[in-house]
N, C-alpha and C. Protein backbone atom coordinates (compact mmCIF):
# COMPACT_ATOMS: atom_id res chain seq x y z
N UNK A 1 -4.91 15.78 -12.07
CA UNK A 1 -4.25 15.05 -13.12
C UNK A 1 -3.59 13.80 -12.54
N UNK A 2 -3.80 12.67 -13.20
CA UNK A 2 -3.25 11.40 -12.75
C UNK A 2 -1.99 11.11 -13.55
N UNK A 3 -0.94 10.69 -12.82
CA UNK A 3 0.32 10.30 -13.44
C UNK A 3 0.74 8.96 -12.85
N UNK A 4 1.28 8.09 -13.69
CA UNK A 4 1.77 6.80 -13.23
C UNK A 4 3.27 6.72 -13.54
N UNK A 5 4.04 6.41 -12.51
CA UNK A 5 5.49 6.30 -12.64
C UNK A 5 5.90 4.84 -12.42
N UNK A 6 6.72 4.33 -13.32
CA UNK A 6 7.33 3.02 -13.17
C UNK A 6 8.79 3.24 -12.87
N UNK A 7 9.21 2.90 -11.66
CA UNK A 7 10.60 3.09 -11.23
C UNK A 7 11.09 4.51 -11.51
N UNK A 8 10.25 5.48 -11.18
CA UNK A 8 10.61 6.88 -11.30
C UNK A 8 10.44 7.48 -12.68
N UNK A 9 10.05 6.67 -13.67
CA UNK A 9 9.88 7.16 -15.04
C UNK A 9 8.38 7.33 -15.31
N UNK A 10 8.00 8.54 -15.71
CA UNK A 10 6.61 8.86 -15.98
C UNK A 10 6.14 8.18 -17.26
N UNK A 11 5.00 7.49 -17.18
CA UNK A 11 4.37 6.92 -18.35
C UNK A 11 3.72 8.06 -19.13
N UNK A 12 4.06 8.18 -20.40
CA UNK A 12 3.52 9.26 -21.22
C UNK A 12 1.99 9.20 -21.25
N UNK A 13 1.35 10.37 -21.13
CA UNK A 13 -0.11 10.44 -21.08
C UNK A 13 -0.78 9.81 -22.30
N UNK A 14 -0.12 9.81 -23.44
CA UNK A 14 -0.72 9.23 -24.65
C UNK A 14 -0.82 7.71 -24.56
N UNK A 15 -0.18 7.10 -23.57
CA UNK A 15 -0.21 5.65 -23.41
C UNK A 15 -1.29 5.15 -22.45
N UNK A 16 -2.08 6.06 -21.89
CA UNK A 16 -3.17 5.64 -21.01
C UNK A 16 -4.37 5.27 -21.87
N UNK A 17 -4.57 3.99 -22.11
CA UNK A 17 -5.73 3.54 -22.89
C UNK A 17 -6.90 3.23 -21.97
N UNK A 18 -6.61 2.91 -20.74
CA UNK A 18 -7.64 2.64 -19.75
C UNK A 18 -7.04 2.72 -18.38
N UNK A 19 -7.78 3.28 -17.45
CA UNK A 19 -7.30 3.38 -16.07
C UNK A 19 -8.51 3.29 -15.16
N UNK A 20 -8.50 2.31 -14.29
CA UNK A 20 -9.64 2.10 -13.39
C UNK A 20 -9.09 1.89 -11.98
N UNK A 21 -9.66 2.60 -11.03
CA UNK A 21 -9.26 2.46 -9.64
C UNK A 21 -10.49 2.09 -8.82
N UNK A 22 -10.32 1.12 -7.94
CA UNK A 22 -11.40 0.75 -7.04
C UNK A 22 -10.84 0.65 -5.63
N UNK A 23 -11.73 0.77 -4.68
CA UNK A 23 -11.34 0.69 -3.28
C UNK A 23 -12.15 -0.41 -2.64
N UNK A 24 -11.46 -1.42 -2.15
CA UNK A 24 -12.13 -2.52 -1.47
C UNK A 24 -12.08 -2.20 0.02
N UNK A 25 -13.24 -1.81 0.60
CA UNK A 25 -13.22 -1.32 1.99
C UNK A 25 -12.66 -2.31 3.01
N UNK A 26 -12.95 -3.59 2.84
CA UNK A 26 -12.49 -4.59 3.80
C UNK A 26 -12.17 -5.87 3.05
N UNK A 27 -11.33 -6.71 3.64
CA UNK A 27 -10.96 -7.95 2.98
C UNK A 27 -12.18 -8.83 2.71
N UNK A 28 -12.82 -9.30 3.74
CA UNK A 28 -14.00 -10.15 3.58
C UNK A 28 -15.15 -9.64 4.42
N UNK A 29 -14.83 -9.06 5.55
CA UNK A 29 -15.87 -8.58 6.45
C UNK A 29 -15.29 -7.46 7.31
N UNK A 30 -16.15 -6.68 7.92
CA UNK A 30 -15.70 -5.61 8.81
C UNK A 30 -15.36 -6.18 10.18
N UNK A 31 -14.20 -5.86 10.69
CA UNK A 31 -13.81 -6.23 12.04
C UNK A 31 -12.72 -5.27 12.48
N UNK A 32 -12.49 -5.18 13.77
CA UNK A 32 -11.45 -4.30 14.29
C UNK A 32 -10.11 -4.68 13.67
N UNK A 33 -9.47 -3.72 13.05
CA UNK A 33 -8.18 -3.98 12.43
C UNK A 33 -8.27 -4.34 10.96
N UNK A 34 -9.48 -4.45 10.41
CA UNK A 34 -9.57 -4.73 8.97
C UNK A 34 -9.13 -3.50 8.20
N UNK A 35 -8.53 -3.70 7.07
CA UNK A 35 -7.91 -2.60 6.34
C UNK A 35 -8.36 -2.61 4.88
N UNK A 36 -8.69 -1.45 4.37
CA UNK A 36 -9.09 -1.32 2.98
C UNK A 36 -7.91 -1.51 2.05
N UNK A 37 -8.22 -1.80 0.79
CA UNK A 37 -7.19 -2.00 -0.23
C UNK A 37 -7.53 -1.18 -1.47
N UNK A 38 -6.51 -0.64 -2.09
CA UNK A 38 -6.67 0.05 -3.36
C UNK A 38 -6.27 -0.91 -4.47
N UNK A 39 -7.13 -1.04 -5.45
CA UNK A 39 -6.86 -1.87 -6.63
C UNK A 39 -6.92 -0.95 -7.84
N UNK A 40 -6.02 -1.14 -8.78
CA UNK A 40 -6.02 -0.33 -10.01
C UNK A 40 -5.75 -1.23 -11.19
N UNK A 41 -6.28 -0.84 -12.33
CA UNK A 41 -6.04 -1.54 -13.58
C UNK A 41 -5.65 -0.50 -14.62
N UNK A 42 -4.52 -0.70 -15.25
CA UNK A 42 -3.98 0.24 -16.24
C UNK A 42 -3.81 -0.51 -17.56
N UNK A 43 -4.40 0.02 -18.63
CA UNK A 43 -4.25 -0.56 -19.96
C UNK A 43 -3.36 0.35 -20.79
N UNK A 44 -2.31 -0.25 -21.38
CA UNK A 44 -1.35 0.52 -22.18
C UNK A 44 -1.06 -0.23 -23.48
N UNK A 45 -0.60 0.47 -24.52
CA UNK A 45 -0.21 -0.22 -25.75
C UNK A 45 0.96 -1.17 -25.49
N UNK A 46 1.03 -2.21 -26.28
CA UNK A 46 2.07 -3.23 -26.10
C UNK A 46 3.47 -2.62 -26.11
N UNK A 47 3.75 -1.66 -26.98
CA UNK A 47 5.07 -1.06 -27.08
C UNK A 47 5.43 -0.11 -25.96
N UNK A 48 4.46 0.21 -25.10
CA UNK A 48 4.70 1.18 -24.03
C UNK A 48 5.06 0.54 -22.69
N UNK A 49 5.16 -0.79 -22.67
CA UNK A 49 5.48 -1.46 -21.41
C UNK A 49 6.89 -1.10 -20.98
N UNK A 50 7.03 -0.47 -19.79
CA UNK A 50 8.37 -0.07 -19.33
C UNK A 50 9.29 -1.27 -19.13
N UNK A 51 10.58 -1.03 -19.28
CA UNK A 51 11.58 -2.08 -19.11
C UNK A 51 11.70 -2.50 -17.65
N UNK A 52 11.50 -1.56 -16.74
CA UNK A 52 11.66 -1.83 -15.31
C UNK A 52 10.32 -1.62 -14.61
N UNK A 53 9.90 -2.63 -13.85
CA UNK A 53 8.56 -2.60 -13.24
C UNK A 53 8.60 -2.90 -11.74
N UNK A 54 9.61 -2.45 -11.04
CA UNK A 54 9.72 -2.78 -9.62
C UNK A 54 8.81 -1.93 -8.74
N UNK A 55 8.83 -0.61 -8.92
CA UNK A 55 8.04 0.27 -8.07
C UNK A 55 7.09 1.09 -8.94
N UNK A 56 5.83 1.09 -8.57
CA UNK A 56 4.83 1.86 -9.30
C UNK A 56 4.25 2.89 -8.33
N UNK A 57 4.27 4.14 -8.76
CA UNK A 57 3.70 5.22 -7.94
C UNK A 57 2.62 5.91 -8.76
N UNK A 58 1.46 6.06 -8.16
CA UNK A 58 0.38 6.81 -8.79
C UNK A 58 0.32 8.16 -8.09
N UNK A 59 0.40 9.22 -8.90
CA UNK A 59 0.32 10.57 -8.36
C UNK A 59 -0.98 11.21 -8.85
N UNK A 60 -1.59 11.97 -7.97
CA UNK A 60 -2.76 12.76 -8.33
C UNK A 60 -2.44 14.20 -7.95
N UNK A 61 -2.53 15.09 -8.95
CA UNK A 61 -2.21 16.51 -8.74
C UNK A 61 -0.86 16.70 -8.07
N UNK A 62 0.15 15.99 -8.56
CA UNK A 62 1.54 16.08 -8.10
C UNK A 62 1.79 15.53 -6.70
N UNK A 63 0.80 14.92 -6.08
CA UNK A 63 0.98 14.30 -4.77
C UNK A 63 1.03 12.78 -4.91
N UNK A 64 1.96 12.14 -4.23
CA UNK A 64 2.00 10.68 -4.24
C UNK A 64 0.72 10.17 -3.60
N UNK A 65 -0.07 9.44 -4.37
CA UNK A 65 -1.36 8.96 -3.89
C UNK A 65 -1.29 7.51 -3.44
N UNK A 66 -0.54 6.70 -4.20
CA UNK A 66 -0.48 5.29 -3.87
C UNK A 66 0.81 4.68 -4.39
N UNK A 67 1.46 3.90 -3.55
CA UNK A 67 2.61 3.09 -3.96
C UNK A 67 2.07 1.69 -4.21
N UNK A 68 2.36 1.13 -5.38
CA UNK A 68 1.73 -0.12 -5.78
C UNK A 68 2.74 -1.22 -6.09
N UNK A 69 2.24 -2.44 -6.04
CA UNK A 69 2.95 -3.60 -6.56
C UNK A 69 2.12 -4.15 -7.71
N UNK A 70 2.77 -4.82 -8.63
CA UNK A 70 2.08 -5.39 -9.79
C UNK A 70 1.58 -6.78 -9.43
N UNK A 71 0.25 -6.95 -9.56
CA UNK A 71 -0.34 -8.27 -9.34
C UNK A 71 -0.17 -9.14 -10.57
N UNK A 72 -0.46 -8.56 -11.75
CA UNK A 72 -0.34 -9.33 -12.98
C UNK A 72 -0.24 -8.39 -14.18
N UNK A 73 0.28 -8.94 -15.26
CA UNK A 73 0.32 -8.25 -16.55
C UNK A 73 -0.23 -9.23 -17.57
N UNK A 74 -1.32 -8.86 -18.22
CA UNK A 74 -1.95 -9.74 -19.20
C UNK A 74 -2.06 -9.03 -20.54
N UNK A 75 -1.85 -9.78 -21.60
CA UNK A 75 -1.99 -9.22 -22.94
C UNK A 75 -3.42 -9.51 -23.42
N UNK A 76 -4.09 -8.48 -23.97
CA UNK A 76 -5.44 -8.72 -24.48
C UNK A 76 -5.40 -8.84 -26.01
N UNK A 77 -6.56 -9.02 -26.62
CA UNK A 77 -6.65 -9.24 -28.07
C UNK A 77 -6.30 -8.01 -28.90
N UNK A 78 -6.25 -6.84 -28.30
CA UNK A 78 -6.00 -5.59 -29.02
C UNK A 78 -4.54 -5.17 -28.98
N UNK A 79 -3.63 -6.12 -28.72
CA UNK A 79 -2.20 -5.78 -28.65
C UNK A 79 -1.93 -4.77 -27.53
N UNK A 80 -2.62 -4.95 -26.43
CA UNK A 80 -2.47 -4.07 -25.27
C UNK A 80 -2.13 -4.92 -24.05
N UNK A 81 -1.50 -4.29 -23.07
CA UNK A 81 -1.26 -4.93 -21.79
C UNK A 81 -2.21 -4.34 -20.76
N UNK A 82 -2.77 -5.20 -19.95
CA UNK A 82 -3.58 -4.78 -18.83
C UNK A 82 -2.78 -5.10 -17.57
N UNK A 83 -2.39 -4.06 -16.86
CA UNK A 83 -1.55 -4.21 -15.67
C UNK A 83 -2.44 -4.05 -14.44
N UNK A 84 -2.49 -5.09 -13.62
CA UNK A 84 -3.27 -5.05 -12.37
C UNK A 84 -2.35 -4.68 -11.23
N UNK A 85 -2.75 -3.66 -10.47
CA UNK A 85 -1.94 -3.12 -9.37
C UNK A 85 -2.68 -3.22 -8.05
N UNK A 86 -1.94 -3.36 -6.97
CA UNK A 86 -2.48 -3.35 -5.61
C UNK A 86 -1.59 -2.45 -4.78
N UNK A 87 -2.19 -1.75 -3.80
CA UNK A 87 -1.37 -0.88 -2.96
C UNK A 87 -0.26 -1.67 -2.29
N UNK A 88 0.87 -1.00 -2.09
CA UNK A 88 2.08 -1.65 -1.57
C UNK A 88 1.90 -2.20 -0.15
N UNK A 89 0.90 -1.74 0.57
CA UNK A 89 0.68 -2.27 1.91
C UNK A 89 0.32 -3.76 1.90
N UNK A 90 0.04 -4.30 0.72
CA UNK A 90 -0.21 -5.73 0.62
C UNK A 90 1.01 -6.51 1.12
N UNK A 91 2.20 -5.90 1.01
CA UNK A 91 3.43 -6.55 1.51
C UNK A 91 3.37 -6.79 3.02
N UNK A 92 2.56 -6.01 3.72
CA UNK A 92 2.47 -6.16 5.17
C UNK A 92 1.38 -7.14 5.59
N UNK A 93 0.79 -7.82 4.63
CA UNK A 93 -0.29 -8.76 4.92
C UNK A 93 0.28 -10.11 5.35
N UNK A 94 1.20 -10.06 6.28
CA UNK A 94 1.85 -11.26 6.82
C UNK A 94 1.92 -11.14 8.34
N UNK A 95 2.10 -12.27 8.99
CA UNK A 95 2.24 -12.25 10.44
C UNK A 95 3.41 -11.37 10.86
N UNK A 96 3.28 -10.75 12.00
CA UNK A 96 4.31 -9.83 12.46
C UNK A 96 4.63 -10.10 13.92
N UNK A 97 5.83 -10.54 14.19
CA UNK A 97 6.24 -10.91 15.55
C UNK A 97 7.05 -9.79 16.19
N UNK A 98 6.45 -9.15 17.19
CA UNK A 98 7.19 -8.15 17.96
C UNK A 98 7.16 -8.53 19.44
N UNK A 99 7.02 -9.83 19.71
CA UNK A 99 6.91 -10.31 21.09
C UNK A 99 8.12 -9.94 21.93
N UNK A 100 9.29 -9.80 21.31
CA UNK A 100 10.50 -9.45 22.06
C UNK A 100 10.57 -7.95 22.37
N UNK A 101 9.60 -7.17 21.88
CA UNK A 101 9.60 -5.72 22.09
C UNK A 101 8.50 -5.26 23.04
N UNK A 102 7.63 -6.16 23.46
CA UNK A 102 6.52 -5.83 24.35
C UNK A 102 7.08 -5.63 25.75
N UNK A 103 6.68 -4.58 26.48
CA UNK A 103 5.73 -3.53 26.11
C UNK A 103 6.38 -2.51 25.16
N UNK A 104 5.53 -1.93 24.29
CA UNK A 104 5.99 -0.96 23.31
C UNK A 104 4.90 0.08 23.09
N UNK A 105 5.30 1.31 22.81
CA UNK A 105 4.29 2.34 22.54
C UNK A 105 3.74 2.15 21.12
N UNK A 106 2.58 2.73 20.87
CA UNK A 106 1.97 2.65 19.54
C UNK A 106 2.92 3.26 18.51
N UNK A 107 3.55 4.38 18.84
CA UNK A 107 4.49 5.01 17.92
C UNK A 107 5.71 4.11 17.70
N UNK A 108 6.20 3.49 18.76
CA UNK A 108 7.34 2.58 18.64
C UNK A 108 7.02 1.39 17.75
N UNK A 109 5.79 0.85 17.88
CA UNK A 109 5.38 -0.26 17.04
C UNK A 109 5.27 0.17 15.58
N UNK A 110 4.70 1.35 15.35
CA UNK A 110 4.59 1.87 13.98
C UNK A 110 5.97 2.04 13.36
N UNK A 111 6.89 2.62 14.10
CA UNK A 111 8.25 2.80 13.58
C UNK A 111 8.92 1.46 13.30
N UNK A 112 8.68 0.46 14.17
CA UNK A 112 9.27 -0.86 13.99
C UNK A 112 8.71 -1.54 12.75
N UNK A 113 7.41 -1.43 12.52
CA UNK A 113 6.81 -2.01 11.31
C UNK A 113 7.37 -1.33 10.08
N UNK A 114 7.45 0.00 10.12
CA UNK A 114 7.98 0.74 8.97
C UNK A 114 9.41 0.31 8.66
N UNK A 115 10.23 0.16 9.68
CA UNK A 115 11.61 -0.28 9.49
C UNK A 115 11.66 -1.71 8.94
N UNK A 116 10.85 -2.59 9.50
CA UNK A 116 10.86 -4.00 9.08
C UNK A 116 10.43 -4.19 7.64
N UNK A 117 9.50 -3.35 7.16
CA UNK A 117 8.98 -3.50 5.80
C UNK A 117 9.53 -2.45 4.84
N UNK A 118 10.58 -1.76 5.27
CA UNK A 118 11.25 -0.76 4.43
C UNK A 118 10.28 0.30 3.93
N UNK A 119 9.43 0.78 4.84
CA UNK A 119 8.49 1.86 4.53
C UNK A 119 9.11 3.16 5.02
N UNK A 120 9.34 4.08 4.10
CA UNK A 120 9.93 5.36 4.46
C UNK A 120 8.86 6.27 5.05
N UNK A 121 9.25 7.05 6.05
CA UNK A 121 8.32 8.00 6.67
C UNK A 121 9.09 9.21 7.16
N UNK A 122 8.37 10.32 7.26
CA UNK A 122 8.95 11.52 7.85
C UNK A 122 8.82 11.42 9.37
N UNK A 123 9.40 12.37 10.06
CA UNK A 123 9.16 12.48 11.50
C UNK A 123 7.68 12.74 11.71
N UNK A 124 7.10 12.14 12.70
CA UNK A 124 5.67 12.29 12.90
C UNK A 124 5.30 12.15 14.37
N UNK A 125 4.19 12.73 14.70
CA UNK A 125 3.53 12.56 15.99
C UNK A 125 2.06 12.39 15.71
N UNK A 126 1.38 11.63 16.57
CA UNK A 126 -0.05 11.45 16.37
C UNK A 126 -0.75 11.24 17.71
N UNK A 127 -2.05 11.46 17.69
CA UNK A 127 -2.87 11.28 18.88
C UNK A 127 -2.70 9.86 19.40
N UNK A 128 -2.55 9.73 20.69
CA UNK A 128 -2.44 8.43 21.37
C UNK A 128 -1.16 7.66 21.03
N UNK A 129 -0.13 8.34 20.55
CA UNK A 129 1.12 7.66 20.18
C UNK A 129 1.82 7.04 21.38
N UNK A 130 1.51 7.52 22.59
CA UNK A 130 2.17 7.00 23.78
C UNK A 130 1.43 5.84 24.43
N UNK A 131 0.30 5.41 23.84
CA UNK A 131 -0.43 4.26 24.36
C UNK A 131 0.51 3.05 24.35
N UNK A 132 0.57 2.36 25.48
CA UNK A 132 1.47 1.21 25.60
C UNK A 132 0.74 -0.07 25.22
N UNK A 133 1.36 -0.85 24.36
CA UNK A 133 0.83 -2.14 23.95
C UNK A 133 1.56 -3.19 24.77
N UNK A 134 0.79 -3.91 25.58
CA UNK A 134 1.38 -4.85 26.54
C UNK A 134 1.28 -6.31 26.12
N UNK A 135 0.66 -6.57 24.99
CA UNK A 135 0.54 -7.96 24.57
C UNK A 135 0.74 -8.07 23.06
N UNK A 136 0.94 -9.28 22.62
CA UNK A 136 1.21 -9.54 21.22
C UNK A 136 0.36 -10.73 20.80
N UNK A 137 -0.21 -10.67 19.59
CA UNK A 137 -1.07 -11.73 19.08
C UNK A 137 -0.48 -12.26 17.78
N UNK A 138 -0.08 -13.51 17.76
CA UNK A 138 0.58 -14.10 16.59
C UNK A 138 -0.34 -14.22 15.38
N UNK A 139 -1.66 -14.07 15.57
CA UNK A 139 -2.59 -14.22 14.45
C UNK A 139 -2.86 -12.90 13.73
N UNK A 140 -2.31 -11.79 14.22
CA UNK A 140 -2.57 -10.48 13.64
C UNK A 140 -1.44 -10.12 12.67
N UNK A 141 -1.82 -9.62 11.49
CA UNK A 141 -0.81 -9.25 10.49
C UNK A 141 -0.29 -7.84 10.76
N UNK A 142 0.84 -7.53 10.15
CA UNK A 142 1.41 -6.18 10.28
C UNK A 142 0.43 -5.14 9.74
N UNK A 143 -0.28 -5.47 8.67
CA UNK A 143 -1.25 -4.54 8.10
C UNK A 143 -2.39 -4.26 9.08
N UNK A 144 -2.81 -5.28 9.80
CA UNK A 144 -3.86 -5.09 10.80
C UNK A 144 -3.36 -4.22 11.95
N UNK A 145 -2.10 -4.43 12.36
CA UNK A 145 -1.53 -3.56 13.39
C UNK A 145 -1.48 -2.11 12.91
N UNK A 146 -1.10 -1.90 11.63
CA UNK A 146 -1.08 -0.55 11.08
C UNK A 146 -2.48 0.07 11.12
N UNK A 147 -3.49 -0.71 10.81
CA UNK A 147 -4.86 -0.21 10.85
C UNK A 147 -5.27 0.15 12.27
N UNK A 148 -4.92 -0.69 13.23
CA UNK A 148 -5.26 -0.41 14.63
C UNK A 148 -4.57 0.88 15.12
N UNK A 149 -3.33 1.06 14.72
CA UNK A 149 -2.60 2.27 15.10
C UNK A 149 -3.27 3.47 14.45
N UNK A 150 -3.72 3.32 13.20
CA UNK A 150 -4.46 4.39 12.52
C UNK A 150 -5.72 4.76 13.28
N UNK A 151 -6.41 3.78 13.81
CA UNK A 151 -7.62 4.04 14.60
C UNK A 151 -7.28 4.78 15.89
N UNK A 152 -6.16 4.39 16.53
CA UNK A 152 -5.71 5.10 17.73
C UNK A 152 -5.43 6.57 17.43
N UNK A 153 -4.94 6.83 16.22
CA UNK A 153 -4.59 8.18 15.81
C UNK A 153 -5.82 8.98 15.37
N UNK A 154 -6.98 8.35 15.42
CA UNK A 154 -8.22 9.05 15.08
C UNK A 154 -8.63 8.91 13.63
N UNK A 155 -7.98 8.05 12.88
CA UNK A 155 -8.32 7.84 11.49
C UNK A 155 -8.84 6.45 11.27
N UNK A 156 -9.09 6.13 10.02
CA UNK A 156 -9.44 4.76 9.68
C UNK A 156 -9.07 4.48 8.27
């Protein structure tokens, strides 16, 4: 079951007129550190637009599946709003300077990114968390660093 919450308030199921989710595997091309993006489109009746639209959480079967930001809200000819959403990691699609922290472990870098972008996390351990990063590249975004750390941990 899919549920959409706007600032902690559940959107009533009767207001889902359309819901589409797509996954864009890579930005433009595959390369080390490229990161997939979740895009969603939600269509609701005009009167169902929540008053507060800061944080959007999509839950599937009671599990938080995606934290989103609103890309746009457009009104269509049927008196409906079409809300375009992107996963919240889009906020990390900016340059990230940790040159003053090098050398740093992969886990230390992950914790620093989470703190810098106000990403909440539980205590965690992962494969290769003690790998030391000895250099910093000003052209790499925080999102790309997160993807590289994910690869170190055995995921993608």
